Protein backbone atom coordinates (compact mmCIF):
# COMPACT_ATOMS: atom_id res chain seq x y z
CA MET A 1 23.14 -2.69 0.52
CA GLN A 2 20.67 -1.07 -1.40
CA ILE A 3 16.66 -1.50 -1.53
CA GLU A 4 14.55 -0.63 -4.76
CA ILE A 5 10.87 -1.07 -4.23
CA ARG A 6 9.20 -1.93 -7.52
CA GLY A 7 5.83 -0.57 -7.75
CA ALA A 8 6.54 2.16 -6.37
CA GLU A 9 4.95 4.54 -8.58
CA LYS A 10 1.33 3.27 -7.08
CA LEU A 11 1.95 4.22 -3.39
CA SER A 12 1.76 7.52 -2.19
CA PHE A 13 4.80 9.65 -0.55
CA ARG A 14 4.00 9.00 2.96
CA GLU A 15 3.76 4.91 2.21
CA ARG A 16 7.18 4.59 0.28
CA GLN A 17 8.16 6.21 3.77
CA VAL A 18 6.97 3.93 5.86
CA VAL A 19 7.73 0.97 3.52
CA VAL A 20 10.97 1.53 3.44
CA LEU A 21 11.23 1.89 7.37
CA LYS A 22 9.40 -1.13 7.47
CA GLU A 23 11.13 -3.29 5.46
CA MET A 24 13.92 -2.25 6.57
CA GLY A 25 13.36 -3.60 10.11
CA TYR A 26 11.40 -0.57 11.77
CA THR A 27 9.03 -1.76 14.47
CA ASN A 28 5.18 0.12 13.77
CA GLU A 29 6.54 2.80 16.90
CA GLN A 30 9.81 3.35 15.70
CA VAL A 31 8.48 3.94 12.37
CA ALA A 32 5.45 6.35 13.92
CA LYS A 33 8.20 8.38 15.96
CA LYS A 34 10.62 8.71 13.11
CA LEU A 35 7.49 10.29 10.91
CA LYS A 36 5.97 12.09 14.01
CA ILE A 37 2.25 9.86 12.97
CA ASN A 38 0.10 7.72 15.49
CA VAL A 39 0.98 4.06 15.20
CA SER A 40 -2.31 3.01 14.10
CA SER A 41 -1.46 5.52 11.08
CA VAL A 42 1.37 3.55 10.29
CA ALA A 43 -0.42 0.43 10.49
CA THR A 44 -2.82 1.84 7.74
CA LEU A 45 -0.16 3.16 5.18
CA TYR A 46 1.59 -0.14 5.55
CA ASN A 47 -1.55 -2.18 4.87
CA ARG A 48 -2.63 -0.06 1.84
CA ALA A 49 0.65 0.19 0.41
CA LYS A 50 0.92 -3.76 0.41
CA SER A 51 -2.94 -4.32 -1.28
CA LYS A 52 -1.18 -2.09 -3.59
CA GLY A 53 1.16 -4.78 -4.43
CA TYR A 54 4.75 -3.02 -4.52
CA GLN A 55 7.92 -5.47 -4.88
CA VAL A 56 11.25 -4.96 -2.46
CA VAL A 57 14.20 -6.14 -3.99
CA ILE A 58 17.08 -5.47 -1.80
CA VAL A 59 20.24 -5.24 -4.30
CA ILE A 60 23.66 -6.63 -2.30
CA PRO A 61 26.82 -6.64 -4.23
CA GLY A 62 28.76 -9.67 -4.57
CA ASP A 63 31.51 -8.43 -3.27
CA HIS A 64 29.78 -7.23 -0.21
CA LEU A 65 29.12 -11.27 0.30
CA GLY A 66 32.84 -11.98 0.26
CA LEU A 67 32.52 -14.01 -2.95
CA PHE A 68 34.76 -12.08 -5.11
CA ASP A 69 38.13 -11.51 -4.10
CA PRO A 70 39.26 -7.75 -5.81
CA GLY A 71 41.38 -9.40 -8.50
CA ASP A 72 38.91 -11.51 -9.89
CA GLU A 73 36.97 -9.31 -12.18
CA GLY A 74 36.22 -11.21 -15.30
CA GLU A 75 38.16 -14.11 -14.28
CA GLU A 76 36.46 -17.77 -15.19
CA GLU A 77 37.43 -20.62 -13.44
């Protein structure tokens, strides 16, 4: 699985770090511990990033969802 952040160029480096971790399901406390910052800073950075209008797109290949057999490439039914 890959996470793509559209509009990431609008975010600071630290905002990008927080967004990636938060979008992966980490709590504010976990993000704070990992980045060695205060929990309140995590909330501030995340809210600031959200106000800048980024979008998260999750890219999941079809084979990871069990939709295709390895030999099905290019086959139509």
